[in-house]
Amino acid sequence: MMLGACAGSGYYMRHTLVKAKKHDLVDVRKVIPGISIELRYALADNLTKRRLYPVNMPCLLRSSTAEKLKMAHQKLQRQGYAIRVWDAWRPPEVQIMLDDIGGHTGLFLSLDSGWSRHCGGISVDATMLNRDGEEVRMPTRFDEDLEHAKPDYTGDDPEVRQNLAIFQKAMREAGFAVLSTEWWHFDDTSYLYSPQPVVFGWELNIHPL
């Protein structure tokens, strides 16, 4: 089962963004023009090997979280880098699917522990791009190899170590905390102890097929 729009793509996007605004969720593309968005759950290139988001899934974050991401993006641009977003707001319906499919991997928060902060739009999964718009070398790929995915890189590749340090510094200075188990996952520090209530897909006109 994957999420789909309940109407044509143009109608869907307009009405989804109107509904999102009521939950203080904003379109990252509008807040940060030109940012690279590659939502991995809108592709089959993810742990589940299938598409869980509609192709035209909007990239949404809480407005203040999006502003922090903009700050980090600008910091990196001044150094010749940029951010690529792999995931942002995640419908709880998809979180349930991820827990069912990949809960054994430890990559996804168990539903017994509550919802992921992604479901409130206050977390972002991302990586860094070079001047040519290519992903730089990092410890692992997205949703891969938890044993080596910790942000405290202990490998012997100086390029990976440097890339990670530059990326983490920009994100931390912008107001994000790095998840202790995944180098690509960042939480908005303003909501670590009072996260935004979850926003379900059906509330934004995104429905399970």
N, C-alpha and C. Protein backbone atom coordinates (compact mmCIF):
# COMPACT_ATOMS: atom_id res chain seq x y z
N MET A 1 0.85 -1.20 0.00
CA MET A 1 0.00 0.00 0.00
C MET A 1 0.88 1.24 0.00
N MET A 2 0.55 2.19 -0.85
CA MET A 2 1.30 3.44 -0.86
C MET A 2 0.31 4.60 -0.88
N LEU A 3 0.82 5.80 -0.64
CA LEU A 3 -0.04 6.97 -0.60
C LEU A 3 -0.25 7.51 -1.99
N GLY A 4 -1.45 8.04 -2.21
CA GLY A 4 -1.75 8.65 -3.49
C GLY A 4 -2.57 9.90 -3.30
N ALA A 5 -2.64 10.69 -4.35
CA ALA A 5 -3.46 11.90 -4.30
C ALA A 5 -4.90 11.52 -4.57
N CYS A 6 -5.81 12.34 -4.05
CA CYS A 6 -7.21 12.02 -4.23
C CYS A 6 -7.78 12.74 -5.46
N ALA A 7 -6.97 13.46 -6.20
CA ALA A 7 -7.46 14.17 -7.38
C ALA A 7 -6.30 14.40 -8.33
N GLY A 8 -6.51 15.17 -9.41
CA GLY A 8 -5.46 15.48 -10.35
C GLY A 8 -4.29 16.16 -9.68
N SER A 9 -3.12 16.09 -10.31
CA SER A 9 -1.90 16.55 -9.65
C SER A 9 -1.95 18.04 -9.30
N GLY A 10 -2.44 18.88 -10.22
CA GLY A 10 -2.49 20.32 -9.93
C GLY A 10 -3.44 20.63 -8.79
N TYR A 11 -4.62 20.05 -8.87
CA TYR A 11 -5.62 20.23 -7.80
C TYR A 11 -5.08 19.71 -6.48
N TYR A 12 -4.50 18.54 -6.55
CA TYR A 12 -3.95 17.90 -5.36
C TYR A 12 -2.91 18.78 -4.68
N MET A 13 -1.97 19.32 -5.47
CA MET A 13 -0.91 20.11 -4.88
C MET A 13 -1.45 21.39 -4.26
N ARG A 14 -2.32 22.09 -4.95
CA ARG A 14 -2.87 23.34 -4.42
C ARG A 14 -3.61 23.11 -3.11
N HIS A 15 -4.47 22.12 -3.10
CA HIS A 15 -5.28 21.89 -1.91
C HIS A 15 -4.47 21.28 -0.77
N THR A 16 -3.48 20.48 -1.12
CA THR A 16 -2.60 19.94 -0.09
C THR A 16 -1.84 21.05 0.61
N LEU A 17 -1.31 22.00 -0.17
CA LEU A 17 -0.53 23.08 0.42
C LEU A 17 -1.41 24.02 1.25
N VAL A 18 -2.65 24.22 0.83
CA VAL A 18 -3.58 25.03 1.63
C VAL A 18 -3.85 24.36 2.96
N LYS A 19 -4.11 23.06 2.91
CA LYS A 19 -4.37 22.32 4.15
C LYS A 19 -3.11 22.26 5.01
N ALA A 20 -1.95 22.11 4.38
CA ALA A 20 -0.69 22.04 5.13
C ALA A 20 -0.46 23.32 5.91
N LYS A 21 -0.77 24.45 5.31
CA LYS A 21 -0.55 25.74 5.96
C LYS A 21 -1.30 25.84 7.27
N LYS A 22 -2.46 25.21 7.35
CA LYS A 22 -3.26 25.23 8.58
C LYS A 22 -2.56 24.50 9.72
N HIS A 23 -1.63 23.63 9.36
CA HIS A 23 -0.84 22.89 10.36
C HIS A 23 0.57 23.47 10.49
N ASP A 24 0.77 24.66 9.94
CA ASP A 24 2.08 25.33 9.96
C ASP A 24 3.14 24.53 9.21
N LEU A 25 2.71 23.79 8.20
CA LEU A 25 3.64 23.08 7.33
C LEU A 25 3.78 23.86 6.03
N VAL A 26 5.02 24.06 5.59
CA VAL A 26 5.26 24.85 4.38
C VAL A 26 6.04 24.05 3.36
N ASP A 27 5.92 24.46 2.11
CA ASP A 27 6.61 23.82 1.00
C ASP A 27 8.08 24.26 1.02
N VAL A 28 8.98 23.32 1.26
CA VAL A 28 10.41 23.65 1.34
C VAL A 28 10.91 24.28 0.06
N ARG A 29 10.36 23.87 -1.07
CA ARG A 29 10.80 24.43 -2.35
C ARG A 29 10.52 25.93 -2.45
N LYS A 30 9.46 26.39 -1.80
CA LYS A 30 9.13 27.81 -1.83
C LYS A 30 9.98 28.60 -0.83
N VAL A 31 10.30 27.97 0.30
CA VAL A 31 11.13 28.65 1.31
C VAL A 31 12.58 28.72 0.86
N ILE A 32 13.04 27.67 0.18
CA ILE A 32 14.45 27.60 -0.25
C ILE A 32 14.47 27.32 -1.76
N PRO A 33 14.25 28.34 -2.58
CA PRO A 33 14.24 28.13 -4.03
C PRO A 33 15.54 27.50 -4.52
N GLY A 34 15.39 26.49 -5.36
CA GLY A 34 16.57 25.86 -5.95
C GLY A 34 17.16 24.72 -5.14
N ILE A 35 16.65 24.49 -3.92
CA ILE A 35 17.20 23.39 -3.12
C ILE A 35 16.90 22.07 -3.80
N SER A 36 17.80 21.13 -3.69
CA SER A 36 17.62 19.81 -4.29
C SER A 36 16.72 18.95 -3.40
N ILE A 37 15.64 18.45 -3.99
CA ILE A 37 14.70 17.59 -3.27
C ILE A 37 14.66 16.24 -3.97
N GLU A 38 14.96 15.19 -3.25
CA GLU A 38 14.87 13.84 -3.79
C GLU A 38 14.24 12.94 -2.73
N LEU A 39 12.93 13.03 -2.58
CA LEU A 39 12.25 12.26 -1.55
C LEU A 39 12.36 10.77 -1.87
N ARG A 40 13.11 10.07 -1.06
CA ARG A 40 13.44 8.69 -1.39
C ARG A 40 12.26 7.74 -1.31
N TYR A 41 11.25 8.10 -0.51
CA TYR A 41 10.07 7.23 -0.45
C TYR A 41 9.08 7.53 -1.57
N ALA A 42 9.42 8.49 -2.42
CA ALA A 42 8.66 8.71 -3.65
C ALA A 42 9.30 7.94 -4.80
N LEU A 43 10.40 7.25 -4.50
CA LEU A 43 11.12 6.42 -5.46
C LEU A 43 11.16 4.99 -4.92
N ALA A 44 11.55 4.08 -5.77
CA ALA A 44 11.71 2.69 -5.32
C ALA A 44 13.09 2.47 -4.73
N ASP A 45 13.96 3.49 -4.83
CA ASP A 45 15.33 3.38 -4.33
C ASP A 45 15.35 3.69 -2.84
N ASN A 46 14.80 2.78 -2.06
CA ASN A 46 14.81 2.90 -0.60
C ASN A 46 14.77 1.51 0.00
N LEU A 47 14.81 1.43 1.31
CA LEU A 47 14.90 0.14 2.00
C LEU A 47 13.77 -0.81 1.61
N THR A 48 12.58 -0.28 1.35
CA THR A 48 11.42 -1.13 1.06
C THR A 48 11.40 -1.63 -0.39
N LYS A 49 12.21 -0.99 -1.26
CA LYS A 49 12.30 -1.33 -2.68
C LYS A 49 10.99 -1.03 -3.41
N ARG A 50 10.18 -0.12 -2.85
CA ARG A 50 8.95 0.27 -3.54
C ARG A 50 8.60 1.71 -3.19
N ARG A 51 7.77 2.33 -4.00
CA ARG A 51 7.38 3.70 -3.79
C ARG A 51 6.27 3.79 -2.75
N LEU A 52 6.47 4.63 -1.75
CA LEU A 52 5.47 4.80 -0.70
C LEU A 52 4.79 6.16 -0.75
N TYR A 53 5.40 7.13 -1.41
CA TYR A 53 4.82 8.45 -1.59
C TYR A 53 4.35 8.60 -3.04
N PRO A 54 3.36 9.46 -3.27
CA PRO A 54 3.03 9.79 -4.67
C PRO A 54 4.20 10.50 -5.33
N VAL A 55 4.30 10.41 -6.63
CA VAL A 55 5.42 11.00 -7.36
C VAL A 55 5.52 12.50 -7.08
N ASN A 56 4.37 13.17 -6.97
CA ASN A 56 4.37 14.63 -6.76
C ASN A 56 4.20 14.98 -5.29
N MET A 57 4.70 14.14 -4.41
CA MET A 57 4.63 14.38 -2.98
C MET A 57 5.32 15.70 -2.63
N PRO A 58 4.64 16.61 -1.92
CA PRO A 58 5.30 17.87 -1.54
C PRO A 58 6.32 17.63 -0.44
N CYS A 59 7.36 18.43 -0.43
CA CYS A 59 8.37 18.37 0.63
C CYS A 59 7.98 19.42 1.66
N LEU A 60 7.47 18.98 2.81
CA LEU A 60 6.92 19.89 3.81
C LEU A 60 7.70 19.84 5.12
N LEU A 61 7.83 20.99 5.75
CA LEU A 61 8.39 21.10 7.08
C LEU A 61 7.62 22.18 7.85
N ARG A 62 7.69 22.11 9.16
CA ARG A 62 7.14 23.20 9.94
C ARG A 62 7.86 24.48 9.54
N SER A 63 7.16 25.62 9.54
CA SER A 63 7.73 26.85 8.99
C SER A 63 9.05 27.23 9.64
N SER A 64 9.14 27.14 10.96
CA SER A 64 10.38 27.52 11.64
C SER A 64 11.50 26.52 11.35
N THR A 65 11.15 25.26 11.16
CA THR A 65 12.14 24.24 10.82
C THR A 65 12.68 24.48 9.40
N ALA A 66 11.78 24.86 8.50
CA ALA A 66 12.20 25.17 7.13
C ALA A 66 13.14 26.36 7.11
N GLU A 67 12.90 27.34 7.97
CA GLU A 67 13.79 28.51 8.03
C GLU A 67 15.18 28.11 8.54
N LYS A 68 15.24 27.18 9.46
CA LYS A 68 16.54 26.71 9.94
C LYS A 68 17.26 25.95 8.83
N LEU A 69 16.52 25.17 8.07
CA LEU A 69 17.14 24.45 6.96
C LEU A 69 17.67 25.45 5.93
N LYS A 70 16.93 26.52 5.71
CA LYS A 70 17.38 27.57 4.79
C LYS A 70 18.70 28.18 5.27
N MET A 71 18.81 28.41 6.56
CA MET A 71 20.03 28.96 7.13
C MET A 71 21.21 28.01 6.90
N ALA A 72 21.00 26.73 7.14
CA ALA A 72 22.06 25.74 6.93
C ALA A 72 22.46 25.68 5.46
N HIS A 73 21.46 25.70 4.59
CA HIS A 73 21.71 25.65 3.15
C HIS A 73 22.56 26.85 2.70
N GLN A 74 22.23 28.02 3.22
CA GLN A 74 22.98 29.23 2.86
C GLN A 74 24.41 29.18 3.39
N LYS A 75 24.58 28.65 4.60
CA LYS A 75 25.92 28.49 5.16
C LYS A 75 26.77 27.60 4.26
N LEU A 76 26.18 26.51 3.81
CA LEU A 76 26.92 25.57 2.96
C LEU A 76 27.18 26.15 1.58
N GLN A 77 26.24 26.91 1.05
CA GLN A 77 26.44 27.52 -0.26
C GLN A 77 27.65 28.45 -0.26
N ARG A 78 27.85 29.15 0.85
CA ARG A 78 29.00 30.05 0.94
C ARG A 78 30.32 29.29 0.92
N GLN A 79 30.25 27.99 1.17
CA GLN A 79 31.45 27.15 1.15
C GLN A 79 31.54 26.30 -0.12
N GLY A 80 30.58 26.50 -1.02
CA GLY A 80 30.59 25.74 -2.26
C GLY A 80 29.81 24.45 -2.21
N TYR A 81 28.95 24.30 -1.22
CA TYR A 81 28.15 23.08 -1.07
C TYR A 81 26.66 23.43 -1.10
N ALA A 82 25.83 22.42 -0.99
CA ALA A 82 24.38 22.61 -0.93
C ALA A 82 23.77 21.40 -0.25
N ILE A 83 22.48 21.50 0.06
CA ILE A 83 21.76 20.42 0.74
C ILE A 83 20.83 19.71 -0.24
N ARG A 84 20.74 18.41 -0.12
CA ARG A 84 19.71 17.62 -0.81
C ARG A 84 18.83 16.97 0.28
N VAL A 85 17.54 17.18 0.18
CA VAL A 85 16.59 16.62 1.15
C VAL A 85 16.13 15.26 0.67
N TRP A 86 16.27 14.27 1.55
CA TRP A 86 15.81 12.91 1.26
C TRP A 86 14.44 12.62 1.86
N ASP A 87 14.12 13.27 2.97
CA ASP A 87 12.80 13.11 3.57
C ASP A 87 12.55 14.27 4.52
N ALA A 88 11.29 14.65 4.65
CA ALA A 88 10.91 15.75 5.53
C ALA A 88 9.67 15.32 6.31
N TRP A 89 8.53 16.03 6.14
CA TRP A 89 7.30 15.53 6.78
C TRP A 89 6.97 14.17 6.20
N ARG A 90 6.67 13.25 7.09
CA ARG A 90 6.35 11.88 6.69
C ARG A 90 4.95 11.52 7.21
N PRO A 91 4.01 11.21 6.35
CA PRO A 91 2.69 10.83 6.84
C PRO A 91 2.77 9.66 7.81
N PRO A 92 2.07 9.72 8.93
CA PRO A 92 2.07 8.60 9.86
C PRO A 92 1.67 7.28 9.21
N GLU A 93 0.82 7.37 8.18
CA GLU A 93 0.43 6.15 7.47
C GLU A 93 1.65 5.45 6.88
N VAL A 94 2.62 6.24 6.41
CA VAL A 94 3.85 5.67 5.87
C VAL A 94 4.75 5.18 7.00
N GLN A 95 4.76 5.88 8.12
CA GLN A 95 5.55 5.44 9.27
C GLN A 95 5.12 4.05 9.71
N ILE A 96 3.83 3.80 9.67
CA ILE A 96 3.31 2.47 10.03
C ILE A 96 3.84 1.43 9.05
N MET A 97 3.83 1.76 7.76
CA MET A 97 4.34 0.83 6.75
C MET A 97 5.83 0.56 6.94
N LEU A 98 6.58 1.61 7.23
CA LEU A 98 8.02 1.44 7.43
C LEU A 98 8.31 0.57 8.65
N ASP A 99 7.52 0.76 9.69
CA ASP A 99 7.69 -0.06 10.89
C ASP A 99 7.38 -1.52 10.59
N ASP A 100 6.33 -1.75 9.80
CA ASP A 100 5.95 -3.12 9.43
C ASP A 100 7.01 -3.78 8.57
N ILE A 101 7.57 -3.00 7.63
CA ILE A 101 8.51 -3.56 6.66
C ILE A 101 9.94 -3.63 7.21
N GLY A 102 10.37 -2.56 7.87
CA GLY A 102 11.77 -2.47 8.27
C GLY A 102 12.03 -2.28 9.74
N GLY A 103 11.01 -2.53 10.57
CA GLY A 103 11.19 -2.32 12.00
C GLY A 103 12.32 -3.15 12.59
N HIS A 104 12.57 -4.31 12.01
CA HIS A 104 13.61 -5.20 12.51
C HIS A 104 15.01 -4.64 12.30
N THR A 105 15.13 -3.64 11.41
CA THR A 105 16.45 -3.08 11.09
C THR A 105 16.92 -2.09 12.13
N GLY A 106 16.00 -1.55 12.93
CA GLY A 106 16.34 -0.52 13.90
C GLY A 106 16.39 0.87 13.30
N LEU A 107 16.07 0.98 12.01
CA LEU A 107 16.13 2.27 11.34
C LEU A 107 14.92 3.15 11.62
N PHE A 108 13.82 2.53 12.06
CA PHE A 108 12.59 3.29 12.24
C PHE A 108 12.10 3.18 13.68
N LEU A 109 11.66 4.33 14.20
CA LEU A 109 11.16 4.38 15.57
C LEU A 109 9.97 3.44 15.71
N SER A 110 10.02 2.58 16.71
CA SER A 110 8.92 1.67 16.97
C SER A 110 7.68 2.47 17.34
N LEU A 111 6.55 2.05 16.83
CA LEU A 111 5.30 2.75 17.14
C LEU A 111 4.98 2.66 18.63
N ASP A 112 5.55 1.67 19.31
CA ASP A 112 5.35 1.57 20.76
C ASP A 112 6.00 2.75 21.48
N SER A 113 6.96 3.39 20.82
CA SER A 113 7.67 4.52 21.42
C SER A 113 7.09 5.87 20.99
N GLY A 114 6.07 5.83 20.16
CA GLY A 114 5.46 7.06 19.67
C GLY A 114 5.80 7.31 18.21
N TRP A 115 5.31 8.41 17.69
CA TRP A 115 5.53 8.74 16.29
C TRP A 115 6.90 9.36 16.07
N SER A 116 7.45 9.15 14.89
CA SER A 116 8.68 9.82 14.49
C SER A 116 8.44 11.33 14.43
N ARG A 117 9.47 12.11 14.72
CA ARG A 117 9.35 13.57 14.58
C ARG A 117 9.12 13.97 13.13
N HIS A 118 9.45 13.09 12.20
CA HIS A 118 9.13 13.35 10.79
C HIS A 118 7.63 13.58 10.63
N CYS A 119 6.82 12.88 11.41
CA CYS A 119 5.37 12.96 11.27
C CYS A 119 4.81 14.30 11.73
N GLY A 120 5.63 15.11 12.38
CA GLY A 120 5.23 16.46 12.75
C GLY A 120 5.92 17.51 11.91
N GLY A 121 6.76 17.08 10.97
CA GLY A 121 7.45 18.04 10.11
C GLY A 121 8.58 18.79 10.78
N ILE A 122 9.17 18.18 11.82
CA ILE A 122 10.24 18.87 12.55
C ILE A 122 11.56 18.10 12.47
N SER A 123 11.65 17.16 11.54
CA SER A 123 12.89 16.44 11.28
C SER A 123 13.13 16.41 9.78
N VAL A 124 14.38 16.31 9.42
CA VAL A 124 14.73 16.23 8.00
C VAL A 124 15.86 15.22 7.81
N ASP A 125 15.74 14.42 6.77
CA ASP A 125 16.82 13.53 6.34
C ASP A 125 17.48 14.20 5.13
N ALA A 126 18.79 14.34 5.18
CA ALA A 126 19.44 15.10 4.11
C ALA A 126 20.89 14.69 3.94
N THR A 127 21.46 15.12 2.82
CA THR A 127 22.88 14.94 2.57
C THR A 127 23.43 16.22 1.94
N MET A 128 24.70 16.20 1.60
CA MET A 128 25.35 17.40 1.07
C MET A 128 25.80 17.18 -0.37
N LEU A 129 25.70 18.23 -1.18
CA LEU A 129 26.12 18.20 -2.57
C LEU A 129 27.36 19.07 -2.77
N ASN A 130 28.15 18.73 -3.79
CA ASN A 130 29.31 19.56 -4.13
C ASN A 130 28.92 20.62 -5.16
N ARG A 131 29.88 21.35 -5.66
CA ARG A 131 29.62 22.44 -6.62
C ARG A 131 28.97 21.94 -7.90
N ASP A 132 29.19 20.68 -8.23
CA ASP A 132 28.63 20.12 -9.45
C ASP A 132 27.25 19.50 -9.23
N GLY A 133 26.71 19.65 -8.02
CA GLY A 133 25.39 19.09 -7.72
C GLY A 133 25.40 17.60 -7.48
N GLU A 134 26.58 17.06 -7.17
CA GLU A 134 26.70 15.63 -6.91
C GLU A 134 26.79 15.38 -5.41
N GLU A 135 26.20 14.28 -4.96
CA GLU A 135 26.29 13.95 -3.54
C GLU A 135 27.74 13.66 -3.17
N VAL A 136 28.20 14.25 -2.09
CA VAL A 136 29.56 14.00 -1.63
C VAL A 136 29.61 12.66 -0.92
N ARG A 137 30.80 12.18 -0.70
CA ARG A 137 30.97 10.89 -0.03
C ARG A 137 30.64 11.03 1.45
N MET A 138 29.81 10.12 1.95
CA MET A 138 29.40 10.08 3.34
C MET A 138 29.58 8.65 3.87
N PRO A 139 29.42 8.43 5.17
CA PRO A 139 29.69 7.10 5.72
C PRO A 139 28.89 5.97 5.07
N THR A 140 27.61 6.25 4.73
CA THR A 140 26.74 5.24 4.12
C THR A 140 25.79 5.95 3.16
N ARG A 141 24.96 5.17 2.51
CA ARG A 141 23.86 5.73 1.74
C ARG A 141 22.67 5.90 2.68
N PHE A 142 21.56 6.39 2.16
CA PHE A 142 20.36 6.62 2.95
C PHE A 142 19.76 5.29 3.41
N ASP A 143 19.32 5.24 4.68
CA ASP A 143 18.68 4.05 5.24
C ASP A 143 19.54 2.80 5.04
N GLU A 144 20.84 2.94 5.32
CA GLU A 144 21.74 1.82 5.04
C GLU A 144 22.72 1.60 6.18
N ASP A 145 22.89 0.37 6.55
CA ASP A 145 24.02 -0.05 7.39
C ASP A 145 24.14 0.75 8.69
N LEU A 146 23.20 0.51 9.61
CA LEU A 146 23.22 1.23 10.87
C LEU A 146 24.54 1.07 11.62
N GLU A 147 25.21 -0.02 11.41
CA GLU A 147 26.47 -0.26 12.10
C GLU A 147 27.48 0.84 11.79
N HIS A 148 27.41 1.39 10.56
CA HIS A 148 28.37 2.40 10.14
C HIS A 148 27.73 3.77 9.91
N ALA A 149 26.46 3.93 10.26
CA ALA A 149 25.73 5.16 9.94
C ALA A 149 25.78 6.20 11.05
N LYS A 150 26.43 5.92 12.15
CA LYS A 150 26.47 6.88 13.24
C LYS A 150 27.19 8.15 12.81
N PRO A 151 26.73 9.30 13.30
CA PRO A 151 27.35 10.58 12.90
C PRO A 151 28.77 10.76 13.41
N ASP A 152 29.13 10.00 14.43
CA ASP A 152 30.49 10.05 14.95
C ASP A 152 31.34 9.08 14.14
N TYR A 153 31.78 9.53 12.97
CA TYR A 153 32.47 8.66 12.03
C TYR A 153 33.81 8.19 12.59
N THR A 154 34.02 6.89 12.54
CA THR A 154 35.26 6.31 13.07
C THR A 154 36.09 5.62 11.98
N GLY A 155 35.68 5.81 10.73
CA GLY A 155 36.42 5.20 9.63
C GLY A 155 37.73 5.92 9.35
N ASP A 156 38.45 5.44 8.34
CA ASP A 156 39.78 5.99 8.04
C ASP A 156 39.82 6.78 6.75
N ASP A 157 38.64 7.22 6.25
CA ASP A 157 38.59 8.00 5.02
C ASP A 157 38.53 9.48 5.38
N PRO A 158 39.60 10.24 5.15
CA PRO A 158 39.63 11.66 5.53
C PRO A 158 38.61 12.50 4.77
N GLU A 159 38.28 12.12 3.54
CA GLU A 159 37.31 12.88 2.77
C GLU A 159 35.92 12.76 3.39
N VAL A 160 35.54 11.56 3.77
CA VAL A 160 34.24 11.34 4.42
C VAL A 160 34.20 12.10 5.74
N ARG A 161 35.28 12.03 6.49
CA ARG A 161 35.34 12.72 7.79
C ARG A 161 35.16 14.23 7.60
N GLN A 162 35.82 14.80 6.61
CA GLN A 162 35.72 16.24 6.35
C GLN A 162 34.31 16.62 5.89
N ASN A 163 33.76 15.84 4.96
CA ASN A 163 32.41 16.13 4.47
C ASN A 163 31.40 16.12 5.61
N LEU A 164 31.49 15.12 6.44
CA LEU A 164 30.55 14.98 7.55
C LEU A 164 30.69 16.14 8.53
N ALA A 165 31.92 16.53 8.81
CA ALA A 165 32.15 17.63 9.75
C ALA A 165 31.58 18.94 9.22
N ILE A 166 31.77 19.22 7.95
CA ILE A 166 31.25 20.45 7.34
C ILE A 166 29.73 20.46 7.39
N PHE A 167 29.13 19.35 7.01
CA PHE A 167 27.67 19.23 6.97
C PHE A 167 27.07 19.37 8.37
N GLN A 168 27.61 18.64 9.32
CA GLN A 168 27.08 18.67 10.68
C GLN A 168 27.24 20.05 11.32
N LYS A 169 28.34 20.71 11.07
CA LYS A 169 28.57 22.03 11.64
C LYS A 169 27.51 23.02 11.16
N ALA A 170 27.24 23.00 9.86
CA ALA A 170 26.23 23.91 9.30
C ALA A 170 24.85 23.62 9.87
N MET A 171 24.50 22.35 9.99
CA MET A 171 23.18 21.99 10.50
C MET A 171 23.05 22.33 11.98
N ARG A 172 24.09 22.07 12.75
CA ARG A 172 24.03 22.38 14.19
C ARG A 172 23.94 23.88 14.41
N GLU A 173 24.73 24.65 13.67
CA GLU A 173 24.72 26.10 13.84
C GLU A 173 23.37 26.69 13.44
N ALA A 174 22.65 26.00 12.57
CA ALA A 174 21.33 26.47 12.15
C ALA A 174 20.22 26.09 13.13
N GLY A 175 20.54 25.20 14.08
CA GLY A 175 19.55 24.84 15.09
C GLY A 175 19.03 23.42 15.02
N PHE A 176 19.82 22.53 14.45
CA PHE A 176 19.44 21.12 14.38
C PHE A 176 20.32 20.26 15.28
N ALA A 177 19.76 19.17 15.76
CA ALA A 177 20.51 18.17 16.50
C ALA A 177 20.66 16.94 15.61
N VAL A 178 21.83 16.32 15.65
CA VAL A 178 22.09 15.14 14.83
C VAL A 178 21.63 13.90 15.60
N LEU A 179 20.86 13.04 14.94
CA LEU A 179 20.44 11.80 15.58
C LEU A 179 21.66 10.93 15.84
N SER A 180 21.71 10.31 17.01
CA SER A 180 22.92 9.58 17.42
C SER A 180 23.17 8.32 16.60
N THR A 181 22.17 7.85 15.86
CA THR A 181 22.32 6.59 15.13
C THR A 181 22.35 6.75 13.61
N GLU A 182 22.01 7.95 13.10
CA GLU A 182 21.93 8.15 11.65
C GLU A 182 22.53 9.49 11.28
N TRP A 183 23.58 9.52 10.50
CA TRP A 183 24.24 10.77 10.15
C TRP A 183 23.36 11.68 9.31
N TRP A 184 22.37 11.12 8.60
CA TRP A 184 21.53 11.90 7.69
C TRP A 184 20.30 12.51 8.37
N HIS A 185 20.01 12.14 9.61
CA HIS A 185 18.77 12.57 10.28
C HIS A 185 19.04 13.71 11.25
N PHE A 186 18.27 14.80 11.09
CA PHE A 186 18.43 15.99 11.92
C PHE A 186 17.09 16.41 12.51
N ASP A 187 17.08 16.70 13.81
CA ASP A 187 15.88 17.15 14.50
C ASP A 187 15.99 18.63 14.84
N ASP A 188 14.90 19.35 14.67
CA ASP A 188 14.83 20.76 15.06
C ASP A 188 14.92 20.82 16.58
N THR A 189 15.94 21.48 17.10
CA THR A 189 16.17 21.50 18.55
C THR A 189 15.06 22.23 19.31
N SER A 190 14.30 23.07 18.63
CA SER A 190 13.23 23.80 19.32
C SER A 190 12.10 22.88 19.75
N TYR A 191 12.04 21.68 19.16
CA TYR A 191 10.92 20.79 19.44
C TYR A 191 11.37 19.42 19.97
N LEU A 192 12.56 19.37 20.52
CA LEU A 192 13.04 18.08 21.03
C LEU A 192 12.19 17.59 22.19
N TYR A 193 11.68 18.50 22.99
CA TYR A 193 10.92 18.11 24.18
C TYR A 193 9.45 18.48 24.09
N SER A 194 9.07 19.20 23.02
CA SER A 194 7.65 19.52 22.82
C SER A 194 7.36 19.46 21.33
N PRO A 195 7.41 18.25 20.75
CA PRO A 195 7.23 18.12 19.30
C PRO A 195 5.83 18.52 18.85
N GLN A 196 5.77 18.95 17.60
CA GLN A 196 4.49 19.30 17.00
C GLN A 196 3.63 18.05 16.91
N PRO A 197 2.31 18.16 17.15
CA PRO A 197 1.43 17.01 16.96
C PRO A 197 1.54 16.46 15.55
N VAL A 198 1.37 15.17 15.41
CA VAL A 198 1.50 14.55 14.09
C VAL A 198 0.40 15.03 13.16
N VAL A 199 0.72 15.04 11.88
CA VAL A 199 -0.24 15.43 10.85
C VAL A 199 -0.40 14.24 9.91
N PHE A 200 -1.60 13.70 9.84
CA PHE A 200 -1.85 12.52 9.02
C PHE A 200 -2.01 12.90 7.56
N GLY A 201 -1.72 11.95 6.69
CA GLY A 201 -1.84 12.19 5.27
C GLY A 201 -3.24 12.59 4.86
N TRP A 202 -4.25 11.95 5.44
CA TRP A 202 -5.62 12.25 5.04
C TRP A 202 -5.99 13.70 5.38
N GLU A 203 -5.30 14.30 6.34
CA GLU A 203 -5.58 15.69 6.70
C GLU A 203 -5.11 16.66 5.62
N LEU A 204 -4.21 16.19 4.75
CA LEU A 204 -3.67 17.04 3.69
C LEU A 204 -4.09 16.56 2.30
N ASN A 205 -5.14 15.75 2.25
CA ASN A 205 -5.63 15.24 0.96
C ASN A 205 -4.72 14.18 0.36
N ILE A 206 -3.92 13.54 1.18
CA ILE A 206 -3.08 12.44 0.72
C ILE A 206 -3.61 11.18 1.37
N HIS A 207 -4.06 10.24 0.57
CA HIS A 207 -4.76 9.07 1.08
C HIS A 207 -4.08 7.77 0.67
N PRO A 208 -4.13 6.75 1.53
CA PRO A 208 -3.62 5.44 1.15
C PRO A 208 -4.44 4.88 -0.02
N LEU A 209 -3.77 4.24 -0.97
CA LEU A 209 -4.47 3.62 -2.10
C LEU A 209 -5.05 2.27 -1.69
